[in-house]
Amino acid sequence: MYPRIMLSLLGRLRTDLTIIRRQSGTTLCLFEGASMMVNDFLLVGLVIFLFSQTTLASNADSYELTERLRSYVNHRLGVEKMQTHLDSLSFSRTPVIPEELLATVSESLNKKFTEKISVVRRIRDEIEQLWMTLPRRSSLPKCCSSLNTIEIDTNFQQKIIQVMKENLHLYPSIKFQYVGTEEGVTTVYPRFKSCSSTYDPRFRPWYVEAATPESKDVVVVIDTSGSMSNPYSSRVLMDIAKEAANTVITTLNPNDRVGIVSFSERARTATEGNNILKCKRTELALATPQNKEYLKSYVNNLRPNGTTFYGRALSRAFDYFNDSNSTGS
């Protein structure tokens, strides 16, 4: 209804302005400009009216959505009750003194590190004392006559576990305590069921980092010639080489650097061409988790083919070390 009335008014104004233009040429330009202004004004008014009608409808939808959200927040999440509870609490403003805050944080961190060091030292001291009391043998049996079994001194482990229990009582924040030996024996407290029957602590990063804390530069050289497709003890040589290479990569820590060289007629590296490591052709990559995953995928995609040339592979491997030394790292 309202748009029709406005269009009717617009038509009447146009008629009146046309009559005035006919009567006076002097006022022609004046009323032409006025006509344009009135037309524009009415058109803008019409647009505003139509927009307001649409806005009213959208406002109704928005209001309904708002009410539903408010009902959900208050009745399902309990925001109003939570806010009421917070408003009922009393708070006090305490000025922050940087020196005192720094001292508090420093004391807290020092306590945490001191506790961890004390736990490790207690376990170490107990192991050293037990190790000194182990029986010594002046003669060893021949290896060919030994059974393929590992004998573990259960009394040795029980004493270590006893120290771990005492540590947990003294320092409740300790979650797990590990002991791994050169023989591959693992003692964990609190004990949990392992998902793997072939677990060996000597290949785990925590053991390697403790045994060799210094950063290492490692280059793995893998033969990918056709002979690597031959079987050995019911397994393919290539699969054995891949497993060994992946084991080495797994044991590295983020401070180590690693490179991979695969060779047959020619030597190839994991860092040549387009690679996600963004390294140079013979630049060692840091053994970060992301880099290790890429290197493992490179190893797993190797296929045996061609003949064997050891010289090129060794030359490329030494290029890794030479480039690393030249960068001063």
C-alpha atoms as a PDB file:
ATOM      1  CA  MET A   1       0.000   0.000   0.000  1.00  0.00           C
ATOM      2  CA  TYR A   2       2.644   2.529   1.015  1.00  0.00           C
ATOM      3  CA  PRO A   3       4.818   2.019  -2.085  1.00  0.00           C
ATOM      4  CA  ARG A   4       1.768   2.666  -4.332  1.00  0.00           C
ATOM      5  CA  ILE A   5       0.980   5.951  -2.520  1.00  0.00           C
ATOM      6  CA  MET A   6       4.571   7.124  -2.885  1.00  0.00           C
ATOM      7  CA  LEU A   7       4.622   6.267  -6.587  1.00  0.00           C
ATOM      8  CA  SER A   8       1.341   8.172  -7.030  1.00  0.00           C
ATOM      9  CA  LEU A   9       2.790  11.235  -5.289  1.00  0.00           C
ATOM     10  CA  LEU A  10       5.860  10.974  -7.490  1.00  0.00           C
ATOM     11  CA  GLY A  11       3.671  10.964 -10.631  1.00  0.00           C
ATOM     12  CA  ARG A  12       1.666  14.030  -9.441  1.00  0.00           C
ATOM     13  CA  LEU A  13       4.822  16.001  -8.699  1.00  0.00           C
ATOM     14  CA  ARG A  14       6.172  15.232 -12.154  1.00  0.00           C
ATOM     15  CA  THR A  15       2.913  16.547 -13.717  1.00  0.00           C
ATOM     16  CA  ASP A  16       2.989  19.770 -11.687  1.00  0.00           C
ATOM     17  CA  LEU A  17       6.609  20.405 -12.556  1.00  0.00           C
ATOM     18  CA  THR A  18       5.891  19.886 -16.267  1.00  0.00           C
ATOM     19  CA  ILE A  19       3.121  22.567 -16.157  1.00  0.00           C
ATOM     20  CA  ILE A  20       5.461  25.039 -14.476  1.00  0.00           C
ATOM     21  CA  ARG A  21       8.164  24.443 -17.081  1.00  0.00           C
ATOM     22  CA  ARG A  22       5.695  25.252 -19.860  1.00  0.00           C
ATOM     23  CA  GLN A  23       4.618  28.554 -18.279  1.00  0.00           C
ATOM     24  CA  SER A  24       8.055  30.030 -17.658  1.00  0.00           C
ATOM     25  CA  GLY A  25      11.323  29.408 -19.409  1.00  0.00           C
ATOM     26  CA  THR A  26      13.116  31.297 -16.656  1.00  0.00           C
ATOM     27  CA  THR A  27      12.206  28.802 -14.020  1.00  0.00           C
ATOM     28  CA  LEU A  28      12.824  25.856 -16.299  1.00  0.00           C
ATOM     29  CA  CYS A  29      16.339  25.057 -15.111  1.00  0.00           C
ATOM     30  CA  LEU A  30      15.428  25.747 -11.512  1.00  0.00           C
ATOM     31  CA  PHE A  31      12.523  23.332 -11.509  1.00  0.00           C
ATOM     32  CA  GLU A  32      14.403  20.767 -13.549  1.00  0.00           C
ATOM     33  CA  GLY A  33      16.988  20.653 -10.777  1.00  0.00           C
ATOM     34  CA  ALA A  34      14.229  20.587  -8.167  1.00  0.00           C
ATOM     35  CA  SER A  35      12.520  17.809 -10.076  1.00  0.00           C
ATOM     36  CA  MET A  36      15.657  15.716  -9.997  1.00  0.00           C
ATOM     37  CA  MET A  37      16.118  16.426  -6.288  1.00  0.00           C
ATOM     38  CA  VAL A  38      12.515  15.504  -5.446  1.00  0.00           C
ATOM     39  CA  ASN A  39      12.663  12.377  -7.577  1.00  0.00           C
ATOM     40  CA  ASP A  40      15.871  11.288  -5.912  1.00  0.00           C
ATOM     41  CA  PHE A  41      14.451  12.067  -2.487  1.00  0.00           C
ATOM     42  CA  LEU A  42      11.315  10.018  -3.105  1.00  0.00           C
ATOM     43  CA  LEU A  43      13.270   7.122  -4.567  1.00  0.00           C
ATOM     44  CA  VAL A  44      15.586   7.091  -1.554  1.00  0.00           C
ATOM     45  CA  GLY A  45      12.561   7.231   0.720  1.00  0.00           C
ATOM     46  CA  LEU A  46      11.035   4.287  -1.136  1.00  0.00           C
ATOM     47  CA  VAL A  47      14.224   2.242  -0.790  1.00  0.00           C
ATOM     48  CA  ILE A  48      14.456   3.082   2.911  1.00  0.00           C
ATOM     49  CA  PHE A  49      10.830   2.043   3.397  1.00  0.00           C
ATOM     50  CA  LEU A  50      11.308  -1.287   1.632  1.00  0.00           C
ATOM     51  CA  PHE A  51      14.557  -1.909   3.527  1.00  0.00           C
ATOM     52  CA  SER A  52      12.845  -1.112   6.815  1.00  0.00           C
ATOM     53  CA  GLN A  53      10.130  -3.641   6.041  1.00  0.00           C
ATOM     54  CA  THR A  54      12.787  -6.325   5.352  1.00  0.00           C
ATOM     55  CA  THR A  55      14.732  -5.289   8.432  1.00  0.00           C
ATOM     56  CA  LEU A  56      11.656  -5.673  10.605  1.00  0.00           C
ATOM     57  CA  ALA A  57      11.246  -9.238   9.379  1.00  0.00           C
ATOM     58  CA  SER A  58      14.934 -10.043   9.880  1.00  0.00           C
ATOM     59  CA  ASN A  59      14.840  -8.387  13.302  1.00  0.00           C
ATOM     60  CA  ALA A  60      12.034 -10.723  14.286  1.00  0.00           C
ATOM     61  CA  ASP A  61      14.110 -13.734  13.226  1.00  0.00           C
ATOM     62  CA  SER A  62      17.154 -12.352  15.023  1.00  0.00           C
ATOM     63  CA  TYR A  63      15.120 -11.769  18.166  1.00  0.00           C
ATOM     64  CA  GLU A  64      13.847 -15.347  18.126  1.00  0.00           C
ATOM     65  CA  LEU A  65      17.381 -16.695  17.605  1.00  0.00           C
ATOM     66  CA  THR A  66      18.684 -14.491  20.420  1.00  0.00           C
ATOM     67  CA  GLU A  67      16.014 -15.731  22.814  1.00  0.00           C
ATOM     68  CA  ARG A  68      16.747 -19.358  21.983  1.00  0.00           C
ATOM     69  CA  LEU A  69      20.474 -18.882  22.507  1.00  0.00           C
ATOM     70  CA  ARG A  70      19.850 -17.049  25.774  1.00  0.00           C
ATOM     71  CA  SER A  71      17.569 -19.866  26.962  1.00  0.00           C
ATOM     72  CA  TYR A  72      20.158 -22.508  26.038  1.00  0.00           C
ATOM     73  CA  VAL A  73      23.014 -20.651  27.723  1.00  0.00           C
ATOM     74  CA  ASN A  74      21.088 -20.053  30.937  1.00  0.00           C
ATOM     75  CA  HIS A  75      19.150 -23.305  31.293  1.00  0.00           C
ATOM     76  CA  ARG A  76      21.626 -25.783  29.779  1.00  0.00           C
ATOM     77  CA  LEU A  77      24.990 -24.219  30.600  1.00  0.00           C
ATOM     78  CA  GLY A  78      23.947 -22.388  33.744  1.00  0.00           C
ATOM     79  CA  VAL A  79      25.735 -19.154  32.885  1.00  0.00           C
ATOM     80  CA  GLU A  80      23.428 -16.988  35.008  1.00  0.00           C
ATOM     81  CA  LYS A  81      23.916 -19.207  38.062  1.00  0.00           C
ATOM     82  CA  MET A  82      27.646 -19.213  37.504  1.00  0.00           C
ATOM     83  CA  GLN A  83      27.699 -15.433  37.183  1.00  0.00           C
ATOM     84  CA  THR A  84      25.578 -15.088  40.337  1.00  0.00           C
ATOM     85  CA  HIS A  85      28.016 -17.293  42.211  1.00  0.00           C
ATOM     86  CA  LEU A  86      31.004 -15.276  41.002  1.00  0.00           C
ATOM     87  CA  ASP A  87      29.282 -12.014  41.925  1.00  0.00           C
ATOM     88  CA  SER A  88      28.697 -13.308  45.449  1.00  0.00           C
ATOM     89  CA  LEU A  89      32.392 -13.989  46.008  1.00  0.00           C
ATOM     90  CA  SER A  90      34.632 -11.416  47.591  1.00  0.00           C
ATOM     91  CA  PHE A  91      37.907 -10.507  45.958  1.00  0.00           C
ATOM     92  CA  SER A  92      40.789  -8.441  47.174  1.00  0.00           C
ATOM     93  CA  ARG A  93      43.238  -6.505  45.057  1.00  0.00           C
ATOM     94  CA  THR A  94      46.844  -7.363  45.766  1.00  0.00           C
ATOM     95  CA  PRO A  95      49.598  -5.269  44.228  1.00  0.00           C
ATOM     96  CA  VAL A  96      52.167  -7.287  42.294  1.00  0.00           C
ATOM     97  CA  ILE A  97      55.791  -6.663  43.192  1.00  0.00           C
ATOM     98  CA  PRO A  98      57.979  -7.937  40.332  1.00  0.00           C
ATOM     99  CA  GLU A  99      60.919  -8.852  42.554  1.00  0.00           C
ATOM    100  CA  GLU A 100      58.777 -10.929  44.910  1.00  0.00           C
ATOM    101  CA  LEU A 101      56.938 -12.597  42.020  1.00  0.00           C
ATOM    102  CA  LEU A 102      60.231 -13.509  40.347  1.00  0.00           C
ATOM    103  CA  ALA A 103      61.566 -14.931  43.609  1.00  0.00           C
ATOM    104  CA  THR A 104      58.419 -17.042  44.059  1.00  0.00           C
ATOM    105  CA  VAL A 105      58.604 -18.448  40.526  1.00  0.00           C
ATOM    106  CA  SER A 106      62.321 -19.126  40.896  1.00  0.00           C
ATOM    107  CA  GLU A 107      61.784 -20.951  44.179  1.00  0.00           C
ATOM    108  CA  SER A 108      58.990 -23.066  42.689  1.00  0.00           C
ATOM    109  CA  LEU A 109      61.062 -24.065  39.652  1.00  0.00           C
ATOM    110  CA  ASN A 110      64.095 -24.777  41.803  1.00  0.00           C
ATOM    111  CA  LYS A 111      62.006 -27.083  43.989  1.00  0.00           C
ATOM    112  CA  LYS A 112      60.671 -29.002  40.992  1.00  0.00           C
ATOM    113  CA  PHE A 113      64.104 -29.526  39.444  1.00  0.00           C
ATOM    114  CA  THR A 114      65.673 -30.393  42.791  1.00  0.00           C
ATOM    115  CA  GLU A 115      63.047 -33.073  43.391  1.00  0.00           C
ATOM    116  CA  LYS A 116      63.670 -34.674  39.999  1.00  0.00           C
ATOM    117  CA  ILE A 117      67.432 -34.646  40.524  1.00  0.00           C
ATOM    118  CA  SER A 118      67.060 -36.165  44.000  1.00  0.00           C
ATOM    119  CA  VAL A 119      64.907 -38.990  42.618  1.00  0.00           C
ATOM    120  CA  VAL A 120      67.429 -39.843  39.913  1.00  0.00           C
ATOM    121  CA  ARG A 121      70.351 -39.725  42.336  1.00  0.00           C
ATOM    122  CA  ARG A 122      68.612 -42.036  44.824  1.00  0.00           C
ATOM    123  CA  ILE A 123      67.996 -44.614  42.109  1.00  0.00           C
ATOM    124  CA  ARG A 124      71.542 -44.227  40.796  1.00  0.00           C
ATOM    125  CA  ASP A 125      73.099 -44.712  44.240  1.00  0.00           C
ATOM    126  CA  GLU A 126      71.040 -47.840  44.888  1.00  0.00           C
ATOM    127  CA  ILE A 127      71.973 -49.335  41.513  1.00  0.00           C
ATOM    128  CA  GLU A 128      75.666 -48.636  42.085  1.00  0.00           C
ATOM    129  CA  GLN A 129      75.585 -50.275  45.522  1.00  0.00           C
ATOM    130  CA  LEU A 130      73.761 -53.332  44.213  1.00  0.00           C
ATOM    131  CA  TRP A 131      76.086 -53.549  41.243  1.00  0.00           C
ATOM    132  CA  MET A 132      79.108 -53.710  43.523  1.00  0.00           C
ATOM    133  CA  THR A 133      77.582 -56.601  45.486  1.00  0.00           C
ATOM    134  CA  LEU A 134      76.885 -58.778  42.444  1.00  0.00           C
ATOM    135  CA  PRO A 135      78.901 -62.034  42.376  1.00  0.00           C
ATOM    136  CA  ARG A 136      81.939 -62.063  40.133  1.00  0.00           C
ATOM    137  CA  ARG A 137      83.066 -64.964  37.988  1.00  0.00           C
ATOM    138  CA  SER A 138      86.675 -65.652  37.207  1.00  0.00           C
ATOM    139  CA  SER A 139      85.816 -67.968  34.320  1.00  0.00           C
ATOM    140  CA  LEU A 140      83.079 -67.567  31.779  1.00  0.00           C
ATOM    141  CA  PRO A 141      81.375 -70.420  29.918  1.00  0.00           C
ATOM    142  CA  LYS A 142      81.712 -70.660  26.183  1.00  0.00           C
ATOM    143  CA  CYS A 143      79.088 -68.706  24.353  1.00  0.00           C
ATOM    144  CA  CYS A 144      78.210 -71.626  22.109  1.00  0.00           C
ATOM    145  CA  SER A 145      77.124 -73.688  25.112  1.00  0.00           C
ATOM    146  CA  SER A 146      74.982 -70.960  26.701  1.00  0.00           C
ATOM    147  CA  LEU A 147      71.235 -71.184  26.457  1.00  0.00           C
ATOM    148  CA  ASN A 148      69.371 -68.505  24.543  1.00  0.00           C
ATOM    149  CA  THR A 149      67.795 -67.089  27.703  1.00  0.00           C
ATOM    150  CA  ILE A 150      68.227 -63.980  29.815  1.00  0.00           C
ATOM    151  CA  GLU A 151      68.431 -64.435  33.553  1.00  0.00           C
ATOM    152  CA  ILE A 152      67.320 -61.441  35.606  1.00  0.00           C
ATOM    153  CA  ASP A 153      68.141 -61.071  39.263  1.00  0.00           C
ATOM    154  CA  THR A 154      64.653 -60.492  40.630  1.00  0.00           C
ATOM    155  CA  ASN A 155      66.113 -59.415  43.971  1.00  0.00           C
ATOM    156  CA  PHE A 156      68.015 -56.683  42.123  1.00  0.00           C
ATOM    157  CA  GLN A 157      64.812 -55.348  40.563  1.00  0.00           C
ATOM    158  CA  GLN A 158      62.871 -55.578  43.816  1.00  0.00           C
ATOM    159  CA  LYS A 159      65.389 -53.364  45.589  1.00  0.00           C
ATOM    160  CA  ILE A 160      65.242 -50.814  42.793  1.00  0.00           C
ATOM    161  CA  ILE A 161      61.441 -50.822  42.901  1.00  0.00           C
ATOM    162  CA  GLN A 162      61.575 -50.300  46.660  1.00  0.00           C
ATOM    163  CA  VAL A 163      63.612 -47.119  46.148  1.00  0.00           C
ATOM    164  CA  MET A 164      61.137 -45.990  43.493  1.00  0.00           C
ATOM    165  CA  LYS A 165      58.270 -46.483  45.952  1.00  0.00           C
ATOM    166  CA  GLU A 166      60.079 -44.350  48.508  1.00  0.00           C
ATOM    167  CA  ASN A 167      60.654 -41.672  45.870  1.00  0.00           C
ATOM    168  CA  LEU A 168      56.957 -41.606  45.027  1.00  0.00           C
ATOM    169  CA  HIS A 169      56.114 -41.238  48.717  1.00  0.00           C
ATOM    170  CA  LEU A 170      58.600 -38.388  49.162  1.00  0.00           C
ATOM    171  CA  TYR A 171      57.762 -36.656  45.879  1.00  0.00           C
ATOM    172  CA  PRO A 172      54.120 -37.335  44.868  1.00  0.00           C
ATOM    173  CA  SER A 173      54.494 -35.207  41.733  1.00  0.00           C
ATOM    174  CA  ILE A 174      56.681 -37.907  40.149  1.00  0.00           C
ATOM    175  CA  LYS A 175      54.648 -39.789  37.534  1.00  0.00           C
ATOM    176  CA  PHE A 176      56.928 -42.544  36.197  1.00  0.00           C
ATOM    177  CA  GLN A 177      60.456 -43.727  36.939  1.00  0.00           C
ATOM    178  CA  TYR A 178      62.510 -45.644  34.381  1.00  0.00           C
ATOM    179  CA  VAL A 179      65.678 -47.709  34.580  1.00  0.00           C
ATOM    180  CA  GLY A 180      67.184 -49.263  31.460  1.00  0.00           C
ATOM    181  CA  THR A 181      70.353 -51.352  31.422  1.00  0.00           C
ATOM    182  CA  GLU A 182      72.896 -52.163  28.734  1.00  0.00           C
ATOM    183  CA  GLU A 183      71.499 -55.700  28.692  1.00  0.00           C
ATOM    184  CA  GLY A 184      68.081 -54.384  27.667  1.00  0.00           C
ATOM    185  CA  VAL A 185      66.386 -54.927  31.037  1.00  0.00           C
ATOM    186  CA  THR A 186      63.725 -52.334  31.843  1.00  0.00           C
ATOM    187  CA  THR A 187      62.299 -51.418  35.235  1.00  0.00           C
ATOM    188  CA  VAL A 188      59.326 -49.052  35.288  1.00  0.00           C
ATOM    189  CA  TYR A 189      57.396 -47.818  38.307  1.00  0.00           C
ATOM    190  CA  PRO A 190      54.432 -47.630  38.517  1.00  0.00           C
ATOM    191  CA  ARG A 191      54.273 -50.673  36.276  1.00  0.00           C
ATOM    192  CA  PHE A 192      51.911 -50.782  33.318  1.00  0.00           C
ATOM    193  CA  LYS A 193      51.076 -53.418  30.767  1.00  0.00           C
ATOM    194  CA  SER A 194      53.193 -53.086  27.646  1.00  0.00           C
ATOM    195  CA  CYS A 195      51.601 -53.421  24.215  1.00  0.00           C
ATOM    196  CA  SER A 196      54.804 -54.834  22.711  1.00  0.00           C
ATOM    197  CA  SER A 197      56.688 -57.977  23.680  1.00  0.00           C
ATOM    198  CA  THR A 198      59.812 -56.801  21.831  1.00  0.00           C
ATOM    199  CA  TYR A 199      60.298 -53.523  23.710  1.00  0.00           C
ATOM    200  CA  ASP A 200      63.976 -52.640  24.102  1.00  0.00           C
ATOM    201  CA  PRO A 201      64.891 -49.507  26.080  1.00  0.00           C
ATOM    202  CA  ARG A 202      68.240 -49.205  24.321  1.00  0.00           C
ATOM    203  CA  PHE A 203      66.461 -48.020  21.189  1.00  0.00           C
ATOM    204  CA  ARG A 204      64.295 -45.463  22.965  1.00  0.00           C
ATOM    205  CA  PRO A 205      65.169 -41.733  22.828  1.00  0.00           C
ATOM    206  CA  TRP A 206      65.198 -41.355  26.632  1.00  0.00           C
ATOM    207  CA  TYR A 207      67.824 -44.100  26.960  1.00  0.00           C
ATOM    208  CA  VAL A 208      69.962 -42.826  24.083  1.00  0.00           C
ATOM    209  CA  GLU A 209      69.867 -39.236  25.369  1.00  0.00           C
ATOM    210  CA  ALA A 210      71.037 -40.413  28.794  1.00  0.00           C
ATOM    211  CA  ALA A 211      73.717 -42.744  27.405  1.00  0.00           C
ATOM    212  CA  THR A 212      75.037 -40.255  24.823  1.00  0.00           C
ATOM    213  CA  PRO A 213      73.950 -36.750  25.865  1.00  0.00           C
ATOM    214  CA  GLU A 214      76.265 -35.060  23.346  1.00  0.00           C
ATOM    215  CA  SER A 215      74.746 -34.173  19.981  1.00  0.00           C
ATOM    216  CA  LYS A 216      75.716 -36.468  17.115  1.00  0.00           C
ATOM    217  CA  ASP A 217      76.073 -36.225  13.349  1.00  0.00           C
ATOM    218  CA  VAL A 218      74.856 -39.460  11.752  1.00  0.00           C
ATOM    219  CA  VAL A 219      74.844 -40.500   8.097  1.00  0.00           C
ATOM    220  CA  VAL A 220      73.008 -43.715   7.194  1.00  0.00           C
ATOM    221  CA  VAL A 221      74.206 -45.397   3.975  1.00  0.00           C
ATOM    222  CA  ILE A 222      71.811 -47.928   2.422  1.00  0.00           C
ATOM    223  CA  ASP A 223      72.596 -50.283  -0.455  1.00  0.00           C
ATOM    224  CA  THR A 224      69.679 -50.326  -2.913  1.00  0.00           C
ATOM    225  CA  SER A 225      71.252 -52.475  -5.616  1.00  0.00           C
ATOM    226  CA  GLY A 226      69.462 -55.461  -7.117  1.00  0.00           C
ATOM    227  CA  SER A 227      71.162 -57.897  -4.737  1.00  0.00           C
ATOM    228  CA  MET A 228      69.174 -56.380  -1.858  1.00  0.00           C
ATOM    229  CA  SER A 229      66.099 -58.221  -3.168  1.00  0.00           C
ATOM    230  CA  ASN A 230      67.676 -61.564  -2.180  1.00  0.00           C
ATOM    231  CA  PRO A 231      66.271 -63.396   0.847  1.00  0.00           C
ATOM    232  CA  TYR A 232      68.133 -63.922   4.110  1.00  0.00           C
ATOM    233  CA  SER A 233      66.695 -66.042   6.942  1.00  0.00           C
ATOM    234  CA  SER A 234      63.224 -65.915   5.385  1.00  0.00           C
ATOM    235  CA  ARG A 235      63.421 -62.131   5.049  1.00  0.00           C
ATOM    236  CA  VAL A 236      64.391 -59.829   2.180  1.00  0.00           C
ATOM    237  CA  LEU A 237      67.686 -57.983   2.656  1.00  0.00           C
ATOM    238  CA  MET A 238      66.075 -54.679   1.688  1.00  0.00           C
ATOM    239  CA  ASP A 239      63.493 -55.023   4.454  1.00  0.00           C
ATOM    240  CA  ILE A 240      66.224 -55.752   7.005  1.00  0.00           C
ATOM    241  CA  ALA A 241      68.187 -52.683   5.887  1.00  0.00           C
ATOM    242  CA  LYS A 242      65.081 -50.470   6.121  1.00  0.00           C
ATOM    243  CA  GLU A 243      64.311 -51.723   9.620  1.00  0.00           C
ATOM    244  CA  ALA A 244      67.874 -51.042  10.762  1.00  0.00           C
ATOM    245  CA  ALA A 245      67.877 -47.536   9.247  1.00  0.00           C
ATOM    246  CA  ASN A 246      64.517 -46.650  10.811  1.00  0.00           C
ATOM    247  CA  THR A 247      65.742 -47.898  14.196  1.00  0.00           C
ATOM    248  CA  VAL A 248      68.752 -45.588  13.994  1.00  0.00           C
ATOM    249  CA  ILE A 249      66.551 -42.636  13.015  1.00  0.00           C
ATOM    250  CA  THR A 250      64.144 -43.343  15.887  1.00  0.00           C
ATOM    251  CA  THR A 251      66.895 -43.249  18.523  1.00  0.00           C
ATOM    252  CA  LEU A 252      68.075 -39.763  17.508  1.00  0.00           C
ATOM    253  CA  ASN A 253      67.109 -36.732  19.583  1.00  0.00           C
ATOM    254  CA  PRO A 254      66.321 -33.211  18.274  1.00  0.00           C
ATOM    255  CA  ASN A 255      69.891 -32.031  18.952  1.00  0.00           C
ATOM    256  CA  ASP A 256      71.316 -34.643  16.579  1.00  0.00           C
ATOM    257  CA  ARG A 257      71.700 -34.204  12.837  1.00  0.00           C
ATOM    258  CA  VAL A 258      71.151 -36.905  10.272  1.00  0.00           C
ATOM    259  CA  GLY A 259      71.532 -37.608   6.576  1.00  0.00           C
ATOM    260  CA  ILE A 260      70.488 -40.541   4.362  1.00  0.00           C
ATOM    261  CA  VAL A 261      72.474 -41.867   1.374  1.00  0.00           C
ATOM    262  CA  SER A 262      71.029 -44.591  -0.859  1.00  0.00           C
ATOM    263  CA  PHE A 263      73.154 -46.004  -3.653  1.00  0.00           C
ATOM    264  CA  SER A 264      73.328 -48.445  -6.529  1.00  0.00           C
ATOM    265  CA  GLU A 265      74.951 -47.170  -9.772  1.00  0.00           C
ATOM    266  CA  ARG A 266      74.755 -43.658  -8.374  1.00  0.00           C
ATOM    267  CA  ALA A 267      74.433 -42.191  -4.907  1.00  0.00           C
ATOM    268  CA  ARG A 268      71.292 -40.327  -3.879  1.00  0.00           C
ATOM    269  CA  THR A 269      70.421 -38.370  -0.754  1.00  0.00           C
ATOM    270  CA  ALA A 270      67.166 -37.598   1.020  1.00  0.00           C
ATOM    271  CA  THR A 271      67.961 -33.870   0.840  1.00  0.00           C
ATOM    272  CA  GLU A 272      68.522 -33.524  -2.885  1.00  0.00           C
ATOM    273  CA  GLY A 273      65.975 -32.166  -5.339  1.00  0.00           C
ATOM    274  CA  ASN A 274      62.599 -31.006  -4.040  1.00  0.00           C
ATOM    275  CA  ASN A 275      62.398 -32.067  -0.405  1.00  0.00           C
ATOM    276  CA  ILE A 276      60.351 -30.765   2.500  1.00  0.00           C
ATOM    277  CA  LEU A 277      63.445 -30.423   4.707  1.00  0.00           C
ATOM    278  CA  LYS A 278      64.606 -27.339   2.762  1.00  0.00           C
ATOM    279  CA  CYS A 279      68.198 -28.521   3.168  1.00  0.00           C
ATOM    280  CA  LYS A 280      71.073 -28.362   0.745  1.00  0.00           C
ATOM    281  CA  ARG A 281      72.129 -31.404  -1.219  1.00  0.00           C
ATOM    282  CA  THR A 282      74.579 -32.620   1.429  1.00  0.00           C
ATOM    283  CA  GLU A 283      73.363 -30.727   4.485  1.00  0.00           C
ATOM    284  CA  LEU A 284      72.516 -32.696   7.610  1.00  0.00           C
ATOM    285  CA  ALA A 285      68.988 -32.178   8.934  1.00  0.00           C
ATOM    286  CA  LEU A 286      68.099 -31.759  12.588  1.00  0.00           C
ATOM    287  CA  ALA A 287      66.465 -34.913  13.946  1.00  0.00           C
ATOM    288  CA  THR A 288      63.179 -33.250  14.851  1.00  0.00           C
ATOM    289  CA  PRO A 289      60.033 -35.434  14.881  1.00  0.00           C
ATOM    290  CA  GLN A 290      58.861 -33.970  11.553  1.00  0.00           C
ATOM    291  CA  ASN A 291      62.229 -34.497   9.874  1.00  0.00           C
ATOM    292  CA  LYS A 292      62.517 -38.043  11.201  1.00  0.00           C
ATOM    293  CA  GLU A 293      59.099 -38.913   9.800  1.00  0.00           C
ATOM    294  CA  TYR A 294      60.136 -37.603   6.378  1.00  0.00           C
ATOM    295  CA  LEU A 295      63.426 -39.541   6.460  1.00  0.00           C
ATOM    296  CA  LYS A 296      61.599 -42.725   7.445  1.00  0.00           C
ATOM    297  CA  SER A 297      59.199 -42.294   4.528  1.00  0.00           C
ATOM    298  CA  TYR A 298      62.199 -41.804   2.230  1.00  0.00           C
ATOM    299  CA  VAL A 299      63.748 -45.033   3.520  1.00  0.00           C
ATOM    300  CA  ASN A 300      60.486 -46.992   3.242  1.00  0.00           C
ATOM    301  CA  ASN A 301      60.077 -45.969  -0.413  1.00  0.00           C
ATOM    302  CA  LEU A 302      63.493 -47.297  -1.468  1.00  0.00           C
ATOM    303  CA  ARG A 303      63.439 -50.145  -4.007  1.00  0.00           C
ATOM    304  CA  PRO A 304      66.310 -52.497  -4.963  1.00  0.00           C
ATOM    305  CA  ASN A 305      67.605 -52.046  -8.500  1.00  0.00           C
ATOM    306  CA  GLY A 306      70.882 -51.833 -10.405  1.00  0.00           C
ATOM    307  CA  THR A 307      74.476 -52.642  -9.513  1.00  0.00           C
ATOM    308  CA  THR A 308      76.631 -51.650  -6.554  1.00  0.00           C
ATOM    309  CA  PHE A 309      79.194 -48.798  -6.457  1.00  0.00           C
ATOM    310  CA  TYR A 310      80.431 -48.237  -2.906  1.00  0.00           C
ATOM    311  CA  GLY A 311      82.860 -45.442  -3.776  1.00  0.00           C
ATOM    312  CA  ARG A 312      80.199 -42.933  -4.808  1.00  0.00           C
ATOM    313  CA  ALA A 313      78.124 -43.662  -1.723  1.00  0.00           C
ATOM    314  CA  LEU A 314      81.052 -43.188   0.675  1.00  0.00           C
ATOM    315  CA  SER A 315      82.096 -40.005  -1.121  1.00  0.00           C
ATOM    316  CA  ARG A 316      78.597 -38.572  -0.744  1.00  0.00           C
ATOM    317  CA  ALA A 317      78.517 -39.586   2.927  1.00  0.00           C
ATOM    318  CA  PHE A 318      81.792 -37.758   3.627  1.00  0.00           C
ATOM    319  CA  ASP A 319      80.426 -34.730   1.768  1.00  0.00           C
ATOM    320  CA  TYR A 320      77.799 -34.520   4.499  1.00  0.00           C
ATOM    321  CA  PHE A 321      80.459 -34.320   7.206  1.00  0.00           C
ATOM    322  CA  ASN A 322      82.631 -31.885   5.246  1.00  0.00           C
ATOM    323  CA  ASP A 323      79.723 -29.510   4.648  1.00  0.00           C
ATOM    324  CA  SER A 324      78.741 -29.733   8.313  1.00  0.00           C
ATOM    325  CA  ASN A 325      82.258 -28.863   9.469  1.00  0.00           C
ATOM    326  CA  SER A 326      82.509 -25.956   7.027  1.00  0.00           C
ATOM    327  CA  THR A 327      79.385 -24.354   8.507  1.00  0.00           C
ATOM    328  CA  GLY A 328      80.976 -24.433  11.949  1.00  0.00           C
ATOM    329  CA  SER A 329      78.245 -26.596  13.465  1.00  0.00           C
END
